[in-house]
Amino acid sequence: MSSPAAGTPSTAPPSGPETVKPEGDAVNVREVRWTKAEPVSGGRKVRLTWWSGVAPCTVLDRVSVKETAKNVTITLYEGSSPKARDMSCIMIAVEKTTTVDLDKALGKRKLVDGAKR
């Protein structure tokens, strides 16, 4: 069996969600539902996963975290990067992930998606 030549693009799917960080300058910003929230670092952080579009047409603008004694409500906000102004955007789903810090460990508090209102 022959192996692909060096430099040949792979057709294998990515090994997991694309890690992104909030950019803070998106336009046409809207709330986006996350599909998974997983406590990490002993519950001091939460890793969120969601389906999105391709950057720069769809980017993470910011993440809002509201903590109470019973709940931690996390809301993702996405929009378009100003760099996408004169671009054609393909419509393809991309799984993305980001990790947010909590003021105190999650403990027994419930994780709530702020976009599910």
PDB file of N, CA and C in Angstrom:
ATOM      1  N   MET A   1       0.849  -1.164   0.000  1.00  0.00           N
ATOM      2  CA  MET A   1       0.000   0.000   0.000  1.00  0.00           C
ATOM      3  C   MET A   1       0.895   1.228   0.000  1.00  0.00           C
ATOM      4  N   SER A   2       0.601   2.186  -0.851  1.00  0.00           N
ATOM      5  CA  SER A   2       1.429   3.381  -0.911  1.00  0.00           C
ATOM      6  C   SER A   2       0.881   4.437   0.037  1.00  0.00           C
ATOM      7  N   SER A   3       1.789   5.280   0.516  1.00  0.00           N
ATOM      8  CA  SER A   3       1.360   6.364   1.411  1.00  0.00           C
ATOM      9  C   SER A   3       1.241   7.642   0.595  1.00  0.00           C
ATOM     10  N   PRO A   4       0.405   8.608   1.048  1.00  0.00           N
ATOM     11  CA  PRO A   4       0.243   9.842   0.301  1.00  0.00           C
ATOM     12  C   PRO A   4       1.552  10.615   0.234  1.00  0.00           C
ATOM     13  N   ALA A   5       1.730  11.339  -0.826  1.00  0.00           N
ATOM     14  CA  ALA A   5       2.929  12.151  -0.997  1.00  0.00           C
ATOM     15  C   ALA A   5       2.940  13.271   0.035  1.00  0.00           C
ATOM     16  N   ALA A   6       4.129  13.700   0.415  1.00  0.00           N
ATOM     17  CA  ALA A   6       4.245  14.801   1.369  1.00  0.00           C
ATOM     18  C   ALA A   6       3.553  16.033   0.794  1.00  0.00           C
ATOM     19  N   GLY A   7       2.835  16.725   1.635  1.00  0.00           N
ATOM     20  CA  GLY A   7       2.143  17.933   1.178  1.00  0.00           C
ATOM     21  C   GLY A   7       0.756  17.670   0.621  1.00  0.00           C
ATOM     22  N   THR A   8       0.345  16.398   0.500  1.00  0.00           N
ATOM     23  CA  THR A   8      -0.991  16.088   0.011  1.00  0.00           C
ATOM     24  C   THR A   8      -1.992  16.388   1.111  1.00  0.00           C
ATOM     25  N   PRO A   9      -3.045  17.155   0.805  1.00  0.00           N
ATOM     26  CA  PRO A   9      -4.026  17.475   1.845  1.00  0.00           C
ATOM     27  C   PRO A   9      -4.720  16.217   2.357  1.00  0.00           C
ATOM     28  N   SER A  10      -4.999  16.210   3.637  1.00  0.00           N
ATOM     29  CA  SER A  10      -5.698  15.096   4.252  1.00  0.00           C
ATOM     30  C   SER A  10      -7.200  15.269   4.075  1.00  0.00           C
ATOM     31  N   THR A  11      -7.898  14.174   3.862  1.00  0.00           N
ATOM     32  CA  THR A  11      -9.361  14.237   3.779  1.00  0.00           C
ATOM     33  C   THR A  11      -9.994  13.740   5.068  1.00  0.00           C
ATOM     34  N   ALA A  12      -9.156  13.444   6.062  1.00  0.00           N
ATOM     35  CA  ALA A  12      -9.676  12.982   7.350  1.00  0.00           C
ATOM     36  C   ALA A  12     -10.337  14.141   8.081  1.00  0.00           C
ATOM     37  N   PRO A  13     -11.435  13.876   8.778  1.00  0.00           N
ATOM     38  CA  PRO A  13     -12.075  14.937   9.543  1.00  0.00           C
ATOM     39  C   PRO A  13     -11.184  15.382  10.696  1.00  0.00           C
ATOM     40  N   PRO A  14     -11.378  16.606  11.220  1.00  0.00           N
ATOM     41  CA  PRO A  14     -10.572  17.049  12.355  1.00  0.00           C
ATOM     42  C   PRO A  14     -10.768  16.123  13.549  1.00  0.00           C
ATOM     43  N   SER A  15      -9.782  16.061  14.426  1.00  0.00           N
ATOM     44  CA  SER A  15      -9.820  15.124  15.539  1.00  0.00           C
ATOM     45  C   SER A  15     -10.726  15.571  16.681  1.00  0.00           C
ATOM     46  N   GLY A  16     -11.257  16.760  16.623  1.00  0.00           N
ATOM     47  CA  GLY A  16     -12.136  17.241  17.686  1.00  0.00           C
ATOM     48  C   GLY A  16     -12.557  18.663  17.399  1.00  0.00           C
ATOM     49  N   PRO A  17     -13.284  19.269  18.341  1.00  0.00           N
ATOM     50  CA  PRO A  17     -13.741  20.640  18.122  1.00  0.00           C
ATOM     51  C   PRO A  17     -12.570  21.614  17.978  1.00  0.00           C
ATOM     52  N   GLU A  18     -12.798  22.662  17.228  1.00  0.00           N
ATOM     53  CA  GLU A  18     -11.816  23.729  17.048  1.00  0.00           C
ATOM     54  C   GLU A  18     -11.845  24.618  18.283  1.00  0.00           C
ATOM     55  N   THR A  19     -10.689  24.832  18.916  1.00  0.00           N
ATOM     56  CA  THR A  19     -10.609  25.685  20.097  1.00  0.00           C
ATOM     57  C   THR A  19     -10.566  27.143  19.667  1.00  0.00           C
ATOM     58  N   VAL A  20     -11.482  27.966  20.230  1.00  0.00           N
ATOM     59  CA  VAL A  20     -11.542  29.388  19.896  1.00  0.00           C
ATOM     60  C   VAL A  20     -11.557  30.218  21.168  1.00  0.00           C
ATOM     61  N   LYS A  21     -11.186  31.498  21.013  1.00  0.00           N
ATOM     62  CA  LYS A  21     -11.230  32.459  22.116  1.00  0.00           C
ATOM     63  C   LYS A  21     -12.087  33.632  21.677  1.00  0.00           C
ATOM     64  N   PRO A  22     -12.741  34.300  22.622  1.00  0.00           N
ATOM     65  CA  PRO A  22     -13.553  35.470  22.259  1.00  0.00           C
ATOM     66  C   PRO A  22     -12.700  36.548  21.590  1.00  0.00           C
ATOM     67  N   GLU A  23     -13.243  37.131  20.517  1.00  0.00           N
ATOM     68  CA  GLU A  23     -12.528  38.180  19.781  1.00  0.00           C
ATOM     69  C   GLU A  23     -12.960  39.573  20.213  1.00  0.00           C
ATOM     70  N   GLY A  24     -14.231  39.722  20.625  1.00  0.00           N
ATOM     71  CA  GLY A  24     -14.688  40.992  21.172  1.00  0.00           C
ATOM     72  C   GLY A  24     -15.014  42.098  20.196  1.00  0.00           C
ATOM     73  N   ASP A  25     -14.884  41.860  18.892  1.00  0.00           N
ATOM     74  CA  ASP A  25     -15.159  42.941  17.935  1.00  0.00           C
ATOM     75  C   ASP A  25     -16.145  42.525  16.846  1.00  0.00           C
ATOM     76  N   ALA A  26     -16.918  41.481  17.101  1.00  0.00           N
ATOM     77  CA  ALA A  26     -17.851  40.964  16.091  1.00  0.00           C
ATOM     78  C   ALA A  26     -19.011  41.936  15.872  1.00  0.00           C
ATOM     79  N   VAL A  27     -19.618  41.839  14.689  1.00  0.00           N
ATOM     80  CA  VAL A  27     -20.809  42.626  14.362  1.00  0.00           C
ATOM     81  C   VAL A  27     -21.980  41.663  14.189  1.00  0.00           C
ATOM     82  N   ASN A  28     -23.201  42.189  14.280  1.00  0.00           N
ATOM     83  CA  ASN A  28     -24.415  41.369  14.190  1.00  0.00           C
ATOM     84  C   ASN A  28     -24.376  40.230  15.203  1.00  0.00           C
ATOM     85  N   VAL A  29     -24.070  40.564  16.447  1.00  0.00           N
ATOM     86  CA  VAL A  29     -23.891  39.583  17.517  1.00  0.00           C
ATOM     87  C   VAL A  29     -25.239  39.031  17.982  1.00  0.00           C
ATOM     88  N   ARG A  30     -25.243  37.725  18.268  1.00  0.00           N
ATOM     89  CA  ARG A  30     -26.453  37.046  18.740  1.00  0.00           C
ATOM     90  C   ARG A  30     -26.055  35.945  19.723  1.00  0.00           C
ATOM     91  N   GLU A  31     -27.021  35.540  20.557  1.00  0.00           N
ATOM     92  CA  GLU A  31     -26.788  34.443  21.484  1.00  0.00           C
ATOM     93  C   GLU A  31     -26.774  33.125  20.714  1.00  0.00           C
ATOM     94  N   VAL A  32     -25.935  32.194  21.158  1.00  0.00           N
ATOM     95  CA  VAL A  32     -25.824  30.881  20.525  1.00  0.00           C
ATOM     96  C   VAL A  32     -25.896  29.818  21.616  1.00  0.00           C
ATOM     97  N   ARG A  33     -26.687  28.782  21.383  1.00  0.00           N
ATOM     98  CA  ARG A  33     -26.797  27.682  22.347  1.00  0.00           C
ATOM     99  C   ARG A  33     -25.586  26.778  22.290  1.00  0.00           C
ATOM    100  N   TRP A  34     -25.120  26.357  23.462  1.00  0.00           N
ATOM    101  CA  TRP A  34     -24.056  25.358  23.490  1.00  0.00           C
ATOM    102  C   TRP A  34     -24.674  23.970  23.608  1.00  0.00           C
ATOM    103  N   THR A  35     -23.909  22.960  23.162  1.00  0.00           N
ATOM    104  CA  THR A  35     -24.412  21.588  23.160  1.00  0.00           C
ATOM    105  C   THR A  35     -23.851  20.753  24.303  1.00  0.00           C
ATOM    106  N   LYS A  36     -22.719  21.220  24.879  1.00  0.00           N
ATOM    107  CA  LYS A  36     -22.084  20.457  25.948  1.00  0.00           C
ATOM    108  C   LYS A  36     -21.328  21.421  26.852  1.00  0.00           C
ATOM    109  N   ALA A  37     -21.414  21.180  28.157  1.00  0.00           N
ATOM    110  CA  ALA A  37     -20.642  21.946  29.140  1.00  0.00           C
ATOM    111  C   ALA A  37     -20.009  20.949  30.090  1.00  0.00           C
ATOM    112  N   GLU A  38     -18.691  21.026  30.211  1.00  0.00           N
ATOM    113  CA  GLU A  38     -17.955  20.042  30.992  1.00  0.00           C
ATOM    114  C   GLU A  38     -17.029  20.752  31.983  1.00  0.00           C
ATOM    115  N   PRO A  39     -17.230  20.514  33.299  1.00  0.00           N
ATOM    116  CA  PRO A  39     -16.311  21.103  34.275  1.00  0.00           C
ATOM    117  C   PRO A  39     -14.904  20.537  34.082  1.00  0.00           C
ATOM    118  N   VAL A  40     -13.904  21.403  34.165  1.00  0.00           N
ATOM    119  CA  VAL A  40     -12.497  20.997  34.066  1.00  0.00           C
ATOM    120  C   VAL A  40     -11.716  21.736  35.153  1.00  0.00           C
ATOM    121  N   SER A  41     -10.470  21.364  35.338  1.00  0.00           N
ATOM    122  CA  SER A  41      -9.596  21.981  36.343  1.00  0.00           C
ATOM    123  C   SER A  41     -10.243  21.994  37.725  1.00  0.00           C
ATOM    124  N   GLY A  42     -10.770  20.836  38.146  1.00  0.00           N
ATOM    125  CA  GLY A  42     -11.379  20.723  39.459  1.00  0.00           C
ATOM    126  C   GLY A  42     -12.646  21.542  39.617  1.00  0.00           C
ATOM    127  N   GLY A  43     -13.323  21.828  38.495  1.00  0.00           N
ATOM    128  CA  GLY A  43     -14.559  22.594  38.537  1.00  0.00           C
ATOM    129  C   GLY A  43     -14.361  24.098  38.549  1.00  0.00           C
ATOM    130  N   ARG A  44     -13.120  24.568  38.473  1.00  0.00           N
ATOM    131  CA  ARG A  44     -12.833  26.015  38.452  1.00  0.00           C
ATOM    132  C   ARG A  44     -13.035  26.610  37.054  1.00  0.00           C
ATOM    133  N   LYS A  45     -13.142  25.734  36.050  1.00  0.00           N
ATOM    134  CA  LYS A  45     -13.371  26.162  34.666  1.00  0.00           C
ATOM    135  C   LYS A  45     -14.448  25.276  34.058  1.00  0.00           C
ATOM    136  N   VAL A  46     -15.057  25.778  32.968  1.00  0.00           N
ATOM    137  CA  VAL A  46     -16.042  24.996  32.229  1.00  0.00           C
ATOM    138  C   VAL A  46     -15.673  25.049  30.751  1.00  0.00           C
ATOM    139  N   ARG A  47     -15.595  23.863  30.130  1.00  0.00           N
ATOM    140  CA  ARG A  47     -15.329  23.771  28.688  1.00  0.00           C
ATOM    141  C   ARG A  47     -16.671  23.630  27.975  1.00  0.00           C
ATOM    142  N   LEU A  48     -16.962  24.570  27.087  1.00  0.00           N
ATOM    143  CA  LEU A  48     -18.217  24.581  26.332  1.00  0.00           C
ATOM    144  C   LEU A  48     -17.962  24.134  24.906  1.00  0.00           C
ATOM    145  N   THR A  49     -18.921  23.403  24.346  1.00  0.00           N
ATOM    146  CA  THR A  49     -18.841  22.952  22.958  1.00  0.00           C
ATOM    147  C   THR A  49     -20.149  23.327  22.281  1.00  0.00           C
ATOM    148  N   TRP A  50     -20.079  23.763  21.011  1.00  0.00           N
ATOM    149  CA  TRP A  50     -21.265  24.142  20.243  1.00  0.00           C
ATOM    150  C   TRP A  50     -20.966  24.050  18.759  1.00  0.00           C
ATOM    151  N   TRP A  51     -22.037  24.089  17.968  1.00  0.00           N
ATOM    152  CA  TRP A  51     -21.909  24.086  16.508  1.00  0.00           C
ATOM    153  C   TRP A  51     -22.002  25.511  16.005  1.00  0.00           C
ATOM    154  N   SER A  52     -21.165  25.830  15.035  1.00  0.00           N
ATOM    155  CA  SER A  52     -21.025  27.200  14.564  1.00  0.00           C
ATOM    156  C   SER A  52     -20.729  27.200  13.075  1.00  0.00           C
ATOM    157  N   GLY A  53     -20.398  28.374  12.568  1.00  0.00           N
ATOM    158  CA  GLY A  53     -19.981  28.529  11.173  1.00  0.00           C
ATOM    159  C   GLY A  53     -18.481  28.758  11.088  1.00  0.00           C
ATOM    160  N   VAL A  54     -18.003  28.939   9.878  1.00  0.00           N
ATOM    161  CA  VAL A  54     -16.581  29.089   9.603  1.00  0.00           C
ATOM    162  C   VAL A  54     -16.128  30.529   9.865  1.00  0.00           C
ATOM    163  N   ALA A  55     -14.973  30.674  10.516  1.00  0.00           N
ATOM    164  CA  ALA A  55     -14.370  31.997  10.722  1.00  0.00           C
ATOM    165  C   ALA A  55     -13.765  32.481   9.402  1.00  0.00           C
ATOM    166  N   PRO A  56     -13.749  33.765   9.125  1.00  0.00           N
ATOM    167  CA  PRO A  56     -14.140  34.879   9.965  1.00  0.00           C
ATOM    168  C   PRO A  56     -15.626  35.238   9.852  1.00  0.00           C
ATOM    169  N   CYS A  57     -16.372  34.445   9.112  1.00  0.00           N
ATOM    170  CA  CYS A  57     -17.797  34.757   8.924  1.00  0.00           C
ATOM    171  C   CYS A  57     -18.585  34.564  10.209  1.00  0.00           C
ATOM    172  N   THR A  58     -18.185  33.615  11.036  1.00  0.00           N
ATOM    173  CA  THR A  58     -18.809  33.400  12.343  1.00  0.00           C
ATOM    174  C   THR A  58     -17.707  33.230  13.370  1.00  0.00           C
ATOM    175  N   VAL A  59     -17.652  34.160  14.343  1.00  0.00           N
ATOM    176  CA  VAL A  59     -16.623  34.121  15.374  1.00  0.00           C
ATOM    177  C   VAL A  59     -17.269  34.290  16.744  1.00  0.00           C
ATOM    178  N   LEU A  60     -16.581  33.824  17.768  1.00  0.00           N
ATOM    179  CA  LEU A  60     -17.029  34.006  19.142  1.00  0.00           C
ATOM    180  C   LEU A  60     -16.700  35.435  19.557  1.00  0.00           C
ATOM    181  N   ASP A  61     -17.732  36.211  19.874  1.00  0.00           N
ATOM    182  CA  ASP A  61     -17.523  37.601  20.293  1.00  0.00           C
ATOM    183  C   ASP A  61     -17.172  37.679  21.769  1.00  0.00           C
ATOM    184  N   ARG A  62     -18.034  37.056  22.611  1.00  0.00           N
ATOM    185  CA  ARG A  62     -17.806  37.098  24.055  1.00  0.00           C
ATOM    186  C   ARG A  62     -18.576  35.962  24.728  1.00  0.00           C
ATOM    187  N   VAL A  63     -18.260  35.738  25.999  1.00  0.00           N
ATOM    188  CA  VAL A  63     -18.948  34.746  26.823  1.00  0.00           C
ATOM    189  C   VAL A  63     -19.351  35.446  28.115  1.00  0.00           C
ATOM    190  N   SER A  64     -20.634  35.342  28.471  1.00  0.00           N
ATOM    191  CA  SER A  64     -21.138  35.922  29.710  1.00  0.00           C
ATOM    192  C   SER A  64     -21.316  34.811  30.734  1.00  0.00           C
ATOM    193  N   VAL A  65     -20.815  35.030  31.954  1.00  0.00           N
ATOM    194  CA  VAL A  65     -20.939  34.053  33.029  1.00  0.00           C
ATOM    195  C   VAL A  65     -21.585  34.749  34.227  1.00  0.00           C
ATOM    196  N   LYS A  66     -22.729  34.203  34.680  1.00  0.00           N
ATOM    197  CA  LYS A  66     -23.412  34.733  35.863  1.00  0.00           C
ATOM    198  C   LYS A  66     -23.515  33.610  36.885  1.00  0.00           C
ATOM    199  N   GLU A  67     -22.897  33.827  38.049  1.00  0.00           N
ATOM    200  CA  GLU A  67     -22.863  32.801  39.084  1.00  0.00           C
ATOM    201  C   GLU A  67     -23.763  33.171  40.253  1.00  0.00           C
ATOM    202  N   THR A  68     -24.566  32.207  40.690  1.00  0.00           N
ATOM    203  CA  THR A  68     -25.356  32.344  41.916  1.00  0.00           C
ATOM    204  C   THR A  68     -25.051  31.139  42.796  1.00  0.00           C
ATOM    205  N   ALA A  69     -25.689  31.082  43.948  1.00  0.00           N
ATOM    206  CA  ALA A  69     -25.465  29.960  44.858  1.00  0.00           C
ATOM    207  C   ALA A  69     -25.967  28.637  44.278  1.00  0.00           C
ATOM    208  N   LYS A  70     -26.982  28.694  43.385  1.00  0.00           N
ATOM    209  CA  LYS A  70     -27.575  27.470  42.839  1.00  0.00           C
ATOM    210  C   LYS A  70     -27.207  27.184  41.384  1.00  0.00           C
ATOM    211  N   ASN A  71     -26.922  28.233  40.588  1.00  0.00           N
ATOM    212  CA  ASN A  71     -26.702  28.061  39.150  1.00  0.00           C
ATOM    213  C   ASN A  71     -25.485  28.821  38.652  1.00  0.00           C
ATOM    214  N   VAL A  72     -24.948  28.341  37.541  1.00  0.00           N
ATOM    215  CA  VAL A  72     -23.956  29.083  36.768  1.00  0.00           C
ATOM    216  C   VAL A  72     -24.530  29.180  35.357  1.00  0.00           C
ATOM    217  N   THR A  73     -24.913  30.393  34.967  1.00  0.00           N
ATOM    218  CA  THR A  73     -25.507  30.613  33.647  1.00  0.00           C
ATOM    219  C   THR A  73     -24.429  31.143  32.717  1.00  0.00           C
ATOM    220  N   ILE A  74     -24.200  30.408  31.628  1.00  0.00           N
ATOM    221  CA  ILE A  74     -23.170  30.788  30.658  1.00  0.00           C
ATOM    222  C   ILE A  74     -23.839  31.018  29.312  1.00  0.00           C
ATOM    223  N   THR A  75     -23.577  32.193  28.733  1.00  0.00           N
ATOM    224  CA  THR A  75     -24.161  32.554  27.445  1.00  0.00           C
ATOM    225  C   THR A  75     -23.041  32.849  26.448  1.00  0.00           C
ATOM    226  N   LEU A  76     -23.103  32.185  25.294  1.00  0.00           N
ATOM    227  CA  LEU A  76     -22.161  32.447  24.197  1.00  0.00           C
ATOM    228  C   LEU A  76     -22.768  33.473  23.259  1.00  0.00           C
ATOM    229  N   TYR A  77     -21.936  34.385  22.758  1.00  0.00           N
ATOM    230  CA  TYR A  77     -22.365  35.388  21.786  1.00  0.00           C
ATOM    231  C   TYR A  77     -21.448  35.303  20.569  1.00  0.00           C
ATOM    232  N   GLU A  78     -22.057  35.091  19.393  1.00  0.00           N
ATOM    233  CA  GLU A  78     -21.302  35.026  18.142  1.00  0.00           C
ATOM    234  C   GLU A  78     -21.777  36.095  17.176  1.00  0.00           C
ATOM    235  N   GLY A  79     -20.910  36.401  16.239  1.00  0.00           N
ATOM    236  CA  GLY A  79     -21.236  37.335  15.176  1.00  0.00           C
ATOM    237  C   GLY A  79     -20.226  37.152  14.056  1.00  0.00           C
ATOM    238  N   SER A  80     -20.151  38.151  13.198  1.00  0.00           N
ATOM    239  CA  SER A  80     -19.193  38.119  12.089  1.00  0.00           C
ATOM    240  C   SER A  80     -18.025  39.033  12.404  1.00  0.00           C
ATOM    241  N   SER A  81     -16.834  38.593  12.045  1.00  0.00           N
ATOM    242  CA  SER A  81     -15.657  39.434  12.197  1.00  0.00           C
ATOM    243  C   SER A  81     -15.740  40.586  11.192  1.00  0.00           C
ATOM    244  N   PRO A  82     -15.275  41.780  11.562  1.00  0.00           N
ATOM    245  CA  PRO A  82     -15.228  42.876  10.589  1.00  0.00           C
ATOM    246  C   PRO A  82     -14.414  42.507   9.345  1.00  0.00           C
ATOM    247  N   LYS A  83     -13.478  41.554   9.471  1.00  0.00           N
ATOM    248  CA  LYS A  83     -12.665  41.097   8.331  1.00  0.00           C
ATOM    249  C   LYS A  83     -13.509  40.389   7.277  1.00  0.00           C
ATOM    250  N   ALA A  84     -14.712  39.927   7.646  1.00  0.00           N
ATOM    251  CA  ALA A  84     -15.567  39.169   6.725  1.00  0.00           C
ATOM    252  C   ALA A  84     -16.464  40.069   5.891  1.00  0.00           C
ATOM    253  N   ARG A  85     -16.324  41.371   6.023  1.00  0.00           N
ATOM    254  CA  ARG A  85     -17.228  42.323   5.371  1.00  0.00           C
ATOM    255  C   ARG A  85     -17.413  42.071   3.874  1.00  0.00           C
ATOM    256  N   ASP A  86     -16.347  41.864   3.147  1.00  0.00           N
ATOM    257  CA  ASP A  86     -16.448  41.691   1.692  1.00  0.00           C
ATOM    258  C   ASP A  86     -16.144  40.262   1.252  1.00  0.00           C
ATOM    259  N   MET A  87     -16.425  39.306   2.121  1.00  0.00           N
ATOM    260  CA  MET A  87     -16.141  37.904   1.807  1.00  0.00           C
ATOM    261  C   MET A  87     -17.422  37.137   1.504  1.00  0.00           C
ATOM    262  N   SER A  88     -17.280  36.111   0.697  1.00  0.00           N
ATOM    263  CA  SER A  88     -18.357  35.137   0.536  1.00  0.00           C
ATOM    264  C   SER A  88     -18.158  34.093   1.622  1.00  0.00           C
ATOM    265  N   CYS A  89     -19.235  33.730   2.279  1.00  0.00           N
ATOM    266  CA  CYS A  89     -19.140  32.793   3.393  1.00  0.00           C
ATOM    267  C   CYS A  89     -19.786  31.471   3.018  1.00  0.00           C
ATOM    268  N   ILE A  90     -19.045  30.382   3.219  1.00  0.00           N
ATOM    269  CA  ILE A  90     -19.614  29.068   2.950  1.00  0.00           C
ATOM    270  C   ILE A  90     -20.476  28.653   4.137  1.00  0.00           C
ATOM    271  N   MET A  91     -21.509  27.913   3.862  1.00  0.00           N
ATOM    272  CA  MET A  91     -22.413  27.445   4.913  1.00  0.00           C
ATOM    273  C   MET A  91     -22.028  26.014   5.266  1.00  0.00           C
ATOM    274  N   ILE A  92     -21.185  25.881   6.274  1.00  0.00           N
ATOM    275  CA  ILE A  92     -20.741  24.578   6.731  1.00  0.00           C
ATOM    276  C   ILE A  92     -20.677  24.616   8.256  1.00  0.00           C
ATOM    277  N   ALA A  93     -21.072  23.538   8.889  1.00  0.00           N
ATOM    278  CA  ALA A  93     -21.057  23.480  10.349  1.00  0.00           C
ATOM    279  C   ALA A  93     -19.676  23.096  10.854  1.00  0.00           C
ATOM    280  N   VAL A  94     -19.234  23.798  11.888  1.00  0.00           N
ATOM    281  CA  VAL A  94     -17.953  23.535  12.529  1.00  0.00           C
ATOM    282  C   VAL A  94     -18.211  23.418  14.025  1.00  0.00           C
ATOM    283  N   GLU A  95     -17.701  22.358  14.638  1.00  0.00           N
ATOM    284  CA  GLU A  95     -17.834  22.229  16.075  1.00  0.00           C
ATOM    285  C   GLU A  95     -16.706  23.026  16.730  1.00  0.00           C
ATOM    286  N   LYS A  96     -17.079  23.875  17.682  1.00  0.00           N
ATOM    287  CA  LYS A  96     -16.099  24.732  18.350  1.00  0.00           C
ATOM    288  C   LYS A  96     -16.163  24.522  19.855  1.00  0.00           C
ATOM    289  N   THR A  97     -15.069  24.903  20.535  1.00  0.00           N
ATOM    290  CA  THR A  97     -15.002  24.804  21.983  1.00  0.00           C
ATOM    291  C   THR A  97     -14.244  25.993  22.544  1.00  0.00           C
ATOM    292  N   THR A  98     -14.621  26.394  23.755  1.00  0.00           N
ATOM    293  CA  THR A  98     -13.896  27.422  24.496  1.00  0.00           C
ATOM    294  C   THR A  98     -14.006  27.080  25.971  1.00  0.00           C
ATOM    295  N   THR A  99     -13.064  27.567  26.757  1.00  0.00           N
ATOM    296  CA  THR A  99     -13.062  27.299  28.192  1.00  0.00           C
ATOM    297  C   THR A  99     -13.161  28.619  28.942  1.00  0.00           C
ATOM    298  N   VAL A 100     -14.061  28.661  29.940  1.00  0.00           N
ATOM    299  CA  VAL A 100     -14.252  29.885  30.730  1.00  0.00           C
ATOM    300  C   VAL A 100     -13.896  29.615  32.192  1.00  0.00           C
ATOM    301  N   ASP A 101     -13.401  30.653  32.848  1.00  0.00           N
ATOM    302  CA  ASP A 101     -13.062  30.587  34.264  1.00  0.00           C
ATOM    303  C   ASP A 101     -14.291  30.916  35.105  1.00  0.00           C
ATOM    304  N   LEU A 102     -14.411  30.250  36.250  1.00  0.00           N
ATOM    305  CA  LEU A 102     -15.465  30.561  37.208  1.00  0.00           C
ATOM    306  C   LEU A 102     -14.842  31.286  38.407  1.00  0.00           C
ATOM    307  N   ASP A 103     -15.644  32.102  39.090  1.00  0.00           N
ATOM    308  CA  ASP A 103     -15.157  32.790  40.281  1.00  0.00           C
ATOM    309  C   ASP A 103     -14.879  31.802  41.400  1.00  0.00           C
ATOM    310  N   LYS A 104     -15.735  30.765  41.513  1.00  0.00           N
ATOM    311  CA  LYS A 104     -15.479  29.701  42.475  1.00  0.00           C
ATOM    312  C   LYS A 104     -15.870  28.377  41.840  1.00  0.00           C
ATOM    313  N   ALA A 105     -15.349  27.292  42.368  1.00  0.00           N
ATOM    314  CA  ALA A 105     -15.584  25.962  41.789  1.00  0.00           C
ATOM    315  C   ALA A 105     -17.078  25.684  41.634  1.00  0.00           C
ATOM    316  N   LEU A 106     -17.425  24.972  40.564  1.00  0.00           N
ATOM    317  CA  LEU A 106     -18.818  24.679  40.241  1.00  0.00           C
ATOM    318  C   LEU A 106     -19.535  23.951  41.371  1.00  0.00           C
ATOM    319  N   GLY A 107     -18.888  22.971  41.964  1.00  0.00           N
ATOM    320  CA  GLY A 107     -19.505  22.211  43.054  1.00  0.00           C
ATOM    321  C   GLY A 107     -20.817  21.581  42.610  1.00  0.00           C
ATOM    322  N   LYS A 108     -21.875  21.752  43.403  1.00  0.00           N
ATOM    323  CA  LYS A 108     -23.177  21.152  43.103  1.00  0.00           C
ATOM    324  C   LYS A 108     -24.080  22.101  42.316  1.00  0.00           C
ATOM    325  N   ARG A 109     -23.561  23.245  41.918  1.00  0.00           N
ATOM    326  CA  ARG A 109     -24.381  24.183  41.156  1.00  0.00           C
ATOM    327  C   ARG A 109     -24.693  23.626  39.771  1.00  0.00           C
ATOM    328  N   LYS A 110     -25.821  24.050  39.234  1.00  0.00           N
ATOM    329  CA  LYS A 110     -26.284  23.587  37.929  1.00  0.00           C
ATOM    330  C   LYS A 110     -25.771  24.514  36.828  1.00  0.00           C
ATOM    331  N   LEU A 111     -25.304  23.925  35.717  1.00  0.00           N
ATOM    332  CA  LEU A 111     -24.909  24.708  34.551  1.00  0.00           C
ATOM    333  C   LEU A 111     -26.137  24.992  33.697  1.00  0.00           C
ATOM    334  N   VAL A 112     -26.344  26.251  33.338  1.00  0.00           N
ATOM    335  CA  VAL A 112     -27.515  26.686  32.582  1.00  0.00           C
ATOM    336  C   VAL A 112     -27.048  27.415  31.323  1.00  0.00           C
ATOM    337  N   ASP A 113     -27.644  27.089  30.181  1.00  0.00           N
ATOM    338  CA  ASP A 113     -27.352  27.771  28.914  1.00  0.00           C
ATOM    339  C   ASP A 113     -28.189  29.044  28.858  1.00  0.00           C
ATOM    340  N   GLY A 114     -27.540  30.193  28.897  1.00  0.00           N
ATOM    341  CA  GLY A 114     -28.229  31.477  28.893  1.00  0.00           C
ATOM    342  C   GLY A 114     -28.962  31.773  27.596  1.00  0.00           C
ATOM    343  N   ALA A 115     -28.641  31.056  26.510  1.00  0.00           N
ATOM    344  CA  ALA A 115     -29.325  31.273  25.229  1.00  0.00           C
ATOM    345  C   ALA A 115     -30.638  30.490  25.153  1.00  0.00           C
ATOM    346  N   LYS A 116     -30.919  29.610  26.101  1.00  0.00           N
ATOM    347  CA  LYS A 116     -32.149  28.799  26.109  1.00  0.00           C
ATOM    348  C   LYS A 116     -33.198  29.474  26.983  1.00  0.00           C
ATOM    349  N   ARG A 117     -33.701  30.610  26.529  1.00  0.00           N
ATOM    350  CA  ARG A 117     -34.729  31.326  27.317  1.00  0.00           C
ATOM    351  C   ARG A 117     -36.038  31.304  26.621  1.00  0.00           C
TER     352      ARG A 117
END
